[in-house]
Protein backbone atom coordinates (compact mmCIF):
# COMPACT_ATOMS: atom_id res chain seq x y z
CA MET A 1 50.45 125.68 87.16
CA LYS A 2 53.49 123.55 86.26
CA LYS A 3 55.37 126.61 84.99
CA MET A 4 54.69 128.48 88.23
CA THR A 5 55.86 125.51 90.33
CA LEU A 6 59.01 125.14 88.23
CA SER A 7 59.70 128.86 88.46
CA ALA A 8 59.28 128.80 92.25
CA LEU A 9 61.56 125.76 92.50
CA CYS A 10 64.24 127.51 90.43
CA MET A 11 64.06 130.55 92.70
CA VAL A 12 64.49 128.39 95.81
CA VAL A 13 67.44 126.48 94.35
CA GLY A 14 69.00 129.74 93.18
CA SER A 15 68.66 131.19 96.66
CA LEU A 16 70.30 128.15 98.24
CA VAL A 17 73.23 128.31 95.81
CA ALA A 18 73.62 132.04 96.40
CA SER A 19 73.51 131.67 100.18
CA GLY A 20 76.32 129.11 99.97
CA GLN A 21 78.43 131.68 98.17
CA VAL A 22 77.52 134.28 100.77
CA MET A 23 78.66 131.88 103.50
CA ALA A 24 81.93 131.22 101.66
CA ASP A 25 82.46 134.96 101.26
CA ALA A 26 81.78 135.49 104.99
CA VAL A 27 84.41 132.90 105.93
CA GLU A 28 86.95 134.48 103.61
CA ASP A 29 86.14 137.91 105.09
CA LYS A 30 86.69 136.59 108.63
CA TYR A 31 89.96 135.04 107.47
CA LYS A 32 91.10 138.38 106.03
CA GLN A 33 90.11 140.21 109.22
CA ALA A 34 91.74 137.91 111.73
CA CYS A 35 93.67 134.88 110.53
CA HIS A 36 95.66 136.19 107.58
CA ILE A 37 98.02 138.06 109.90
CA CYS A 38 99.84 134.82 110.68
CA HIS A 39 98.52 132.26 108.22
CA ASP A 40 99.36 134.14 105.01
CA THR A 41 103.10 133.99 105.71
CA GLY A 42 103.45 131.27 108.33
CA VAL A 43 104.49 133.57 111.19
CA ALA A 44 105.77 131.59 114.20
CA ASN A 45 105.24 128.30 112.34
CA ALA A 46 101.54 128.88 111.74
CA PRO A 47 100.41 126.61 108.90
CA LYS A 48 99.94 128.67 105.77
CA VAL A 49 96.50 129.07 104.27
CA HIS A 50 95.70 126.43 101.60
CA ASP A 51 98.92 124.50 102.36
CA VAL A 52 97.28 121.10 102.52
CA GLU A 53 100.48 119.30 103.54
CA ALA A 54 101.14 121.67 106.45
CA TRP A 55 97.58 121.22 107.70
CA LYS A 56 97.45 117.43 107.35
CA PRO A 57 99.11 116.51 110.67
CA ARG A 58 96.90 119.02 112.44
CA LEU A 59 93.73 117.72 110.78
CA ASP A 60 94.75 114.17 111.70
CA LYS A 61 94.24 115.18 115.35
CA GLY A 62 90.58 115.87 114.62
CA MET A 63 88.42 118.96 114.53
CA ASP A 64 87.78 118.90 118.28
CA ALA A 65 91.52 119.06 119.00
CA LEU A 66 92.00 121.88 116.48
CA LEU A 67 89.05 123.77 117.95
CA GLY A 68 90.57 123.37 121.41
CA SER A 69 93.91 124.70 120.18
CA VAL A 70 92.26 127.78 118.72
CA LYS A 71 90.10 128.47 121.75
CA ASN A 72 92.88 127.90 124.30
CA GLY A 73 95.78 129.19 122.23
CA LEU A 74 98.79 127.22 121.07
CA ASN A 75 102.42 128.26 120.90
CA ALA A 76 102.40 131.87 119.61
CA MET A 77 98.66 131.87 118.84
CA PRO A 78 96.68 133.61 121.59
CA PRO A 79 93.42 132.10 122.87
CA GLY A 80 90.79 132.69 120.21
CA GLY A 81 93.40 133.50 117.63
CA MET A 82 92.75 137.04 116.46
CA CYS A 83 88.99 136.47 116.17
CA SER A 84 87.54 137.34 119.55
CA GLY A 85 83.97 137.36 118.20
CA CYS A 86 84.12 133.98 116.48
CA SER A 87 81.82 131.13 117.46
CA ASP A 88 82.87 127.48 117.42
CA ASP A 89 81.17 127.15 114.03
CA ASP A 90 83.13 130.16 112.77
CA TYR A 91 86.41 128.61 113.91
CA LYS A 92 85.52 125.29 112.28
CA ALA A 93 84.67 127.04 109.00
CA LEU A 94 87.92 129.00 109.17
CA ILE A 95 89.95 125.84 109.81
CA GLN A 96 88.25 124.12 106.86
CA TYR A 97 88.88 127.17 104.67
CA MET A 98 92.56 127.47 105.62
CA SER A 99 93.29 123.73 105.36
CA SER A 100 91.62 123.23 101.98
CA PRO A 101 93.39 123.57 98.63
CA LYS A 102 93.33 127.02 97.06
CA PRO A 103 89.98 127.50 95.32
């Protein structure tokens, strides 16, 4: 019985770890579909992906302010960025992805 419980526990933990990777892959895919157009090269002063220093003053404003900027547009960025189908959670995950150090 102990072996079966341990085996089941390992499968659950493995699934949780794998789903985290799937989520990370989904965020990176959304980035590649929508955000990379400007954030790979810094078009129109967009902060570059994984440039922690460029993102710091933006992050200092707080996630709600950043979310508002994305949803309403800011400077050359149109409302919603280039991700018209993104939810607030998608935008937050994308901001976290772009503002974090390169993995």
